[in-house]
Amino acid sequence: MDFSVIDTETLKAWHVEALRALQSLSIGRREVSLSYSTPGSGRSGTYSATNRDELAQWIGLLADALAARGELQQRRPRRRAIGIRF
């Protein structure tokens, strides 16, 4: 999906909505529905525990798009260098 035609506030709203949907699935709700519209098209999706990975992927795409705009920092664990001595 081309996120360049979508304004930042809309991306933020979609990200929050998707995170809430994932939270709902995590606490036992059977399914959640999300909908979003882009210029020229509208889409919706229903997610359940069986396709939770697709929802997580959608959240990742939104997070990456926001991070590219400097609106969201991707938190990734930092790894220390390991040293090996023989």
C-alpha atoms as a PDB file:
ATOM      1  CA  MET A   1       0.000   0.000   0.000  1.00  0.00           C
ATOM      2  CA  ASP A   2       1.267   3.462  -0.878  1.00  0.00           C
ATOM      3  CA  PHE A   3       1.221   5.470   2.342  1.00  0.00           C
ATOM      4  CA  SER A   4       2.661   8.594   0.697  1.00  0.00           C
ATOM      5  CA  VAL A   5      -0.818   9.810  -0.318  1.00  0.00           C
ATOM      6  CA  ILE A   6      -2.147   9.526   3.231  1.00  0.00           C
ATOM      7  CA  ASP A   7      -1.689  12.312   5.739  1.00  0.00           C
ATOM      8  CA  THR A   8       0.167  11.692   8.981  1.00  0.00           C
ATOM      9  CA  GLU A   9      -2.824  12.217  11.275  1.00  0.00           C
ATOM     10  CA  THR A  10      -4.783   9.533   9.437  1.00  0.00           C
ATOM     11  CA  LEU A  11      -1.865   7.113   9.715  1.00  0.00           C
ATOM     12  CA  LYS A  12      -1.643   7.816  13.450  1.00  0.00           C
ATOM     13  CA  ALA A  13      -5.371   7.178  13.867  1.00  0.00           C
ATOM     14  CA  TRP A  14      -5.142   3.889  11.950  1.00  0.00           C
ATOM     15  CA  HIS A  15      -2.158   2.825  14.047  1.00  0.00           C
ATOM     16  CA  VAL A  16      -3.961   3.526  17.320  1.00  0.00           C
ATOM     17  CA  GLU A  17      -7.096   1.742  16.088  1.00  0.00           C
ATOM     18  CA  ALA A  18      -5.073  -1.302  15.028  1.00  0.00           C
ATOM     19  CA  LEU A  19      -3.257  -1.418  18.373  1.00  0.00           C
ATOM     20  CA  ARG A  20      -6.600  -1.293  20.189  1.00  0.00           C
ATOM     21  CA  ALA A  21      -7.878  -4.124  18.013  1.00  0.00           C
ATOM     22  CA  LEU A  22      -4.831  -6.232  18.861  1.00  0.00           C
ATOM     23  CA  GLN A  23      -5.370  -5.482  22.545  1.00  0.00           C
ATOM     24  CA  SER A  24      -8.997  -6.590  22.251  1.00  0.00           C
ATOM     25  CA  LEU A  25      -7.923  -9.878  20.686  1.00  0.00           C
ATOM     26  CA  SER A  26      -5.296 -10.323  23.382  1.00  0.00           C
ATOM     27  CA  ILE A  27      -7.821 -10.034  26.195  1.00  0.00           C
ATOM     28  CA  GLY A  28     -10.180 -12.568  24.678  1.00  0.00           C
ATOM     29  CA  ARG A  29     -12.484 -10.822  22.242  1.00  0.00           C
ATOM     30  CA  ARG A  30     -13.352 -13.237  19.452  1.00  0.00           C
ATOM     31  CA  GLU A  31     -13.015 -10.825  16.549  1.00  0.00           C
ATOM     32  CA  VAL A  32     -12.460  -7.167  15.756  1.00  0.00           C
ATOM     33  CA  SER A  33     -13.215  -5.103  12.682  1.00  0.00           C
ATOM     34  CA  LEU A  34     -11.124  -2.315  11.221  1.00  0.00           C
ATOM     35  CA  SER A  35     -11.903  -0.039   8.318  1.00  0.00           C
ATOM     36  CA  TYR A  36      -9.895   2.597   6.542  1.00  0.00           C
ATOM     37  CA  SER A  37     -10.259   4.608   3.392  1.00  0.00           C
ATOM     38  CA  THR A  38      -7.692   5.974   1.036  1.00  0.00           C
ATOM     39  CA  PRO A  39      -8.237   8.483  -1.713  1.00  0.00           C
ATOM     40  CA  GLY A  40     -10.246   6.531  -4.249  1.00  0.00           C
ATOM     41  CA  SER A  41     -10.882   3.401  -2.219  1.00  0.00           C
ATOM     42  CA  GLY A  42     -12.103   2.111   1.090  1.00  0.00           C
ATOM     43  CA  ARG A  43     -11.198  -1.139   2.783  1.00  0.00           C
ATOM     44  CA  SER A  44     -12.169  -3.017   5.859  1.00  0.00           C
ATOM     45  CA  GLY A  45     -11.060  -6.162   7.558  1.00  0.00           C
ATOM     46  CA  THR A  46     -12.174  -8.458  10.308  1.00  0.00           C
ATOM     47  CA  TYR A  47      -9.495 -10.065  12.392  1.00  0.00           C
ATOM     48  CA  SER A  48      -9.739 -12.966  14.791  1.00  0.00           C
ATOM     49  CA  ALA A  49      -7.253 -14.993  16.788  1.00  0.00           C
ATOM     50  CA  THR A  50      -6.590 -17.159  13.742  1.00  0.00           C
ATOM     51  CA  ASN A  51      -5.341 -14.275  11.597  1.00  0.00           C
ATOM     52  CA  ARG A  52      -3.753 -12.269  14.380  1.00  0.00           C
ATOM     53  CA  ASP A  53      -0.435 -12.328  12.505  1.00  0.00           C
ATOM     54  CA  GLU A  54      -2.000 -10.365   9.634  1.00  0.00           C
ATOM     55  CA  LEU A  55      -3.113  -7.692  12.102  1.00  0.00           C
ATOM     56  CA  ALA A  56       0.388  -7.558  13.579  1.00  0.00           C
ATOM     57  CA  GLN A  57       1.796  -7.187  10.065  1.00  0.00           C
ATOM     58  CA  TRP A  58      -0.607  -4.296   9.360  1.00  0.00           C
ATOM     59  CA  ILE A  59       0.490  -2.617  12.598  1.00  0.00           C
ATOM     60  CA  GLY A  60       4.113  -3.051  11.520  1.00  0.00           C
ATOM     61  CA  LEU A  61       3.460  -1.447   8.138  1.00  0.00           C
ATOM     62  CA  LEU A  62       1.769   1.523   9.787  1.00  0.00           C
ATOM     63  CA  ALA A  63       4.565   1.850  12.339  1.00  0.00           C
ATOM     64  CA  ASP A  64       7.191   1.756   9.583  1.00  0.00           C
ATOM     65  CA  ALA A  65       5.350   4.444   7.609  1.00  0.00           C
ATOM     66  CA  LEU A  66       5.114   6.660  10.690  1.00  0.00           C
ATOM     67  CA  ALA A  67       8.756   6.038  11.580  1.00  0.00           C
ATOM     68  CA  ALA A  68       9.798   7.041   8.053  1.00  0.00           C
ATOM     69  CA  ARG A  69       8.082  10.377   8.637  1.00  0.00           C
ATOM     70  CA  GLY A  70       9.799  10.820  11.987  1.00  0.00           C
ATOM     71  CA  GLU A  71       6.534  10.464  13.889  1.00  0.00           C
ATOM     72  CA  LEU A  72       7.241   7.203  15.652  1.00  0.00           C
ATOM     73  CA  GLN A  73      10.413   5.692  16.961  1.00  0.00           C
ATOM     74  CA  GLN A  74      10.743   2.009  16.370  1.00  0.00           C
ATOM     75  CA  ARG A  75      11.762   0.483  19.650  1.00  0.00           C
ATOM     76  CA  ARG A  76      14.023  -2.404  19.052  1.00  0.00           C
ATOM     77  CA  PRO A  77      16.134  -4.041  21.689  1.00  0.00           C
ATOM     78  CA  ARG A  78      19.730  -2.988  21.540  1.00  0.00           C
ATOM     79  CA  ARG A  79      22.250  -5.725  21.521  1.00  0.00           C
ATOM     80  CA  ARG A  80      25.633  -5.464  23.005  1.00  0.00           C
ATOM     81  CA  ALA A  81      28.658  -6.630  21.160  1.00  0.00           C
ATOM     82  CA  ILE A  82      29.891  -9.958  22.394  1.00  0.00           C
ATOM     83  CA  GLY A  83      33.513 -10.676  22.841  1.00  0.00           C
ATOM     84  CA  ILE A  84      35.025 -14.088  22.519  1.00  0.00           C
ATOM     85  CA  ARG A  85      38.398 -14.889  24.002  1.00  0.00           C
ATOM     86  CA  PHE A  86      40.369 -17.993  23.335  1.00  0.00           C
END
